[in-house]
Protein backbone atom coordinates (compact mmCIF):
# COMPACT_ATOMS: atom_id res chain seq x y z
CA MET A 1 -27.75 -12.60 -24.11
CA PRO A 2 -24.62 -10.57 -24.39
CA SER A 3 -23.34 -9.56 -27.42
CA ALA A 4 -20.40 -10.88 -29.37
CA ILE A 5 -18.33 -7.36 -29.11
CA LYS A 6 -18.89 -7.59 -25.39
CA GLU A 7 -17.78 -11.46 -24.99
CA LYS A 8 -14.87 -10.03 -27.03
CA GLN A 9 -14.00 -7.54 -24.62
CA VAL A 10 -14.55 -9.56 -21.75
CA VAL A 11 -12.23 -12.22 -23.43
CA GLY A 12 -9.22 -9.80 -24.18
CA LEU A 13 -9.65 -8.17 -20.86
CA THR A 14 -9.18 -11.34 -19.03
CA GLU A 15 -6.09 -12.69 -20.79
CA GLU A 16 -4.18 -9.01 -20.60
CA LEU A 17 -5.30 -9.43 -16.56
CA LYS A 18 -4.03 -13.03 -16.64
CA SER A 19 -0.52 -11.82 -17.87
CA SER A 20 -0.68 -9.08 -15.23
CA ALA A 21 0.83 -9.39 -11.50
CA HIS A 22 -0.28 -5.89 -10.94
CA VAL A 23 -4.18 -3.94 -11.14
CA VAL A 24 -5.29 -0.66 -9.97
CA VAL A 25 -8.53 0.67 -10.51
CA THR A 26 -8.91 4.53 -10.62
CA ASP A 27 -11.64 7.31 -11.18
CA TYR A 28 -11.59 9.24 -14.05
CA GLN A 29 -14.74 11.31 -13.97
CA GLY A 30 -14.56 14.47 -16.07
CA MET A 31 -11.08 13.86 -17.22
CA THR A 32 -10.72 14.89 -20.81
CA ALA A 33 -9.00 12.66 -23.72
CA GLU A 34 -5.87 14.92 -23.72
CA GLU A 35 -5.54 13.98 -19.73
CA PHE A 36 -6.18 10.47 -20.64
CA ASP A 37 -3.25 10.23 -23.10
CA ALA A 38 -0.83 12.20 -20.80
CA LEU A 39 -1.96 9.59 -18.02
CA ARG A 40 -1.18 6.69 -20.54
CA ALA A 41 2.38 8.35 -21.49
CA ALA A 42 3.26 8.81 -17.47
CA ILE A 43 2.57 4.77 -16.96
CA ARG A 44 3.62 3.52 -20.28
CA PRO A 45 7.64 3.34 -19.06
CA PHE A 46 6.62 1.27 -16.51
CA GLY A 47 5.26 -1.38 -18.98
CA ALA A 48 1.47 -0.50 -17.84
CA LYS A 49 -2.02 -0.11 -19.73
CA TYR A 50 -4.75 2.18 -18.67
CA LYS A 51 -8.19 0.69 -20.23
CA VAL A 52 -11.49 2.12 -19.65
CA VAL A 53 -14.28 -0.96 -19.38
CA LYS A 54 -17.57 -1.25 -18.17
CA ASN A 55 -17.81 -1.71 -14.57
CA ARG A 56 -19.78 -5.19 -15.78
CA LEU A 57 -17.34 -6.55 -17.75
CA ALA A 58 -14.33 -5.30 -15.86
CA LYS A 59 -15.80 -7.32 -12.86
CA ILE A 60 -16.38 -10.62 -15.04
CA SER A 61 -12.74 -10.48 -15.91
CA LEU A 62 -11.37 -9.44 -12.58
CA ASN A 63 -13.35 -12.56 -11.09
CA ALA A 64 -12.20 -14.92 -13.78
CA THR A 65 -8.18 -13.84 -12.82
CA GLY A 66 -8.18 -13.84 -9.32
CA PHE A 67 -8.55 -9.83 -8.89
CA ALA A 68 -12.10 -10.49 -6.95
CA GLU A 69 -11.58 -8.10 -4.47
CA LEU A 70 -11.33 -5.29 -6.65
CA THR A 71 -14.82 -5.52 -8.15
CA GLU A 72 -16.19 -3.75 -4.72
CA LYS A 73 -14.35 -0.71 -5.64
CA MET A 74 -15.81 -0.82 -9.41
CA LYS A 75 -18.47 1.59 -8.69
CA GLY A 76 -19.18 4.83 -10.85
CA PRO A 77 -16.71 5.82 -13.80
CA SER A 78 -14.16 3.54 -13.05
CA ALA A 79 -11.26 2.42 -15.04
CA ILE A 80 -7.95 0.11 -14.71
CA ALA A 81 -4.50 0.61 -14.59
CA TYR A 82 -2.70 -3.24 -15.27
CA GLN A 83 0.60 -5.25 -16.21
CA GLY A 84 3.78 -3.31 -15.60
CA THR A 85 6.89 -4.25 -14.30
CA ASP A 86 7.53 -1.96 -11.74
CA ALA A 87 4.36 -1.69 -9.31
CA ALA A 88 5.69 0.79 -7.29
CA GLY A 89 6.45 3.11 -10.18
CA ILE A 90 3.22 2.98 -11.67
CA ILE A 91 1.59 3.79 -8.40
CA LYS A 92 3.99 6.91 -8.15
CA ALA A 93 3.13 7.78 -11.42
CA LEU A 94 -0.74 7.24 -10.96
CA PHE A 95 -0.43 9.71 -7.55
CA LYS A 96 1.64 12.09 -9.22
CA PHE A 97 -0.93 12.37 -11.96
CA GLY A 98 -3.44 12.84 -9.43
CA GLU A 99 -1.96 15.58 -7.40
CA THR A 100 -2.35 17.57 -11.04
CA HIS A 101 -5.72 16.41 -11.96
CA THR A 102 -8.71 16.68 -9.48
CA ASN A 103 -10.71 14.59 -11.73
CA PHE A 104 -8.58 11.44 -10.82
CA LYS A 105 -8.44 9.62 -8.12
CA VAL A 106 -6.75 5.98 -7.04
CA LYS A 107 -9.59 3.74 -5.77
CA ALA A 108 -7.57 0.61 -4.98
CA GLY A 109 -5.21 -1.67 -6.29
CA ARG A 110 -3.73 -5.41 -5.88
CA LEU A 111 0.15 -5.05 -6.02
CA PHE A 112 2.73 -8.07 -5.06
CA GLY A 113 -0.20 -10.61 -4.40
CA ILE A 114 -1.75 -7.79 -1.72
CA THR A 115 -4.95 -5.93 -2.05
CA ALA A 116 -4.60 -2.44 -0.70
CA ASP A 117 -7.24 0.69 -0.65
CA THR A 118 -6.08 4.10 -1.62
CA LYS A 119 -4.38 5.13 2.06
CA ASN A 120 -2.10 2.02 1.59
CA LEU A 121 -1.03 2.76 -2.05
CA LYS A 122 -0.55 6.58 -1.03
CA VAL A 123 1.95 5.01 1.52
CA MET A 124 3.55 2.70 -1.32
CA ALA A 125 3.45 5.57 -3.24
CA ASP A 126 5.54 7.89 -1.11
CA LEU A 127 8.34 5.63 -0.58
CA PRO A 128 11.50 6.19 -2.19
CA SER A 129 12.53 4.44 -5.24
CA ARG A 130 14.50 1.19 -5.14
CA GLU A 131 17.25 2.52 -6.12
CA VAL A 132 17.74 4.88 -3.16
CA LEU A 133 16.28 1.98 -0.92
CA MET A 134 19.45 -0.04 -2.40
CA ALA A 135 21.70 2.62 -1.53
CA THR A 136 20.45 3.18 2.22
CA LEU A 137 20.90 -0.68 2.65
CA LEU A 138 24.51 -0.74 1.20
CA ALA A 139 25.52 2.12 3.46
CA ARG A 140 24.10 0.85 6.66
CA MET A 141 25.89 -2.34 5.56
CA ASN A 142 29.33 -0.43 4.92
CA GLY A 143 29.05 1.45 8.11
CA PRO A 144 29.99 -1.19 10.63
CA LEU A 145 33.01 -2.52 8.47
CA THR A 146 34.22 0.71 8.04
CA SER A 147 34.36 0.90 11.70
CA LEU A 148 35.92 -2.31 12.02
CA VAL A 149 38.54 -1.73 9.57
CA THR A 150 39.37 2.15 11.13
CA VAL A 151 39.51 0.22 14.90
CA LEU A 152 41.86 -2.91 13.34
CA ASN A 153 44.35 -0.12 11.42
CA GLU A 154 44.59 1.84 14.93
CA PRO A 155 47.26 0.25 16.28
CA LEU A 156 49.60 -0.39 13.01
CA ARG A 157 48.73 3.72 12.72
CA SER A 158 49.84 4.18 16.16
CA LEU A 159 52.75 2.58 16.51
CA HIS A 160 54.28 3.87 12.36
CA ALA A 161 53.28 6.90 14.52
CA ALA A 162 55.54 6.45 17.34
CA LEU A 163 58.59 4.67 15.07
CA SER A 164 58.28 7.74 13.08
CA ALA A 165 58.80 10.00 15.77
CA VAL A 166 61.70 7.44 17.44
CA ALA A 167 63.28 7.96 13.93
CA LYS A 168 62.84 11.82 13.60
CA ASN A 169 64.26 12.28 17.48
CA LYS A 170 67.56 10.00 16.62
CA GLU A 171 68.04 11.91 13.21
CA ALA A 172 67.88 15.13 15.35
CA LYS A 173 70.15 14.18 17.84
CA PRO A 174 73.90 14.11 16.64
CA ALA A 175 75.75 11.18 17.29
């Protein structure tokens, strides 16, 4: 029979996961308390939380909230990062943290309604930021318009240059 404390943990985690669109499962074996604090600080700006939960309890909560695909990755010492407003930012922060901390590894995640393994999450983490992608898109959209304006202005520029040359020529010749 489950204890009241464990039931309370499952209910609390389930409620938090219900309001989360993004969940990432990680391996944390051998991390220190200071490293956990640093990781939580790294993902906090994205509105994310990082919690170590018993695998059995986490699996119950994941199954109850539609993240059942992630339960098979809950083997060994596992923790979850969840909630957040910027899934790409969370993934970038997790992989960046993993580069400097060899005990930390990203196992799998569910972002934007898609379940992804480590390899696919790494590809997402390597994408440029949203601002860079938007700037690139706008530059690509502006390129043809700029060329069109240049082409449309060329006859006027040529006419102006020709008239200016004729005017200078007439001014230079005495009447």
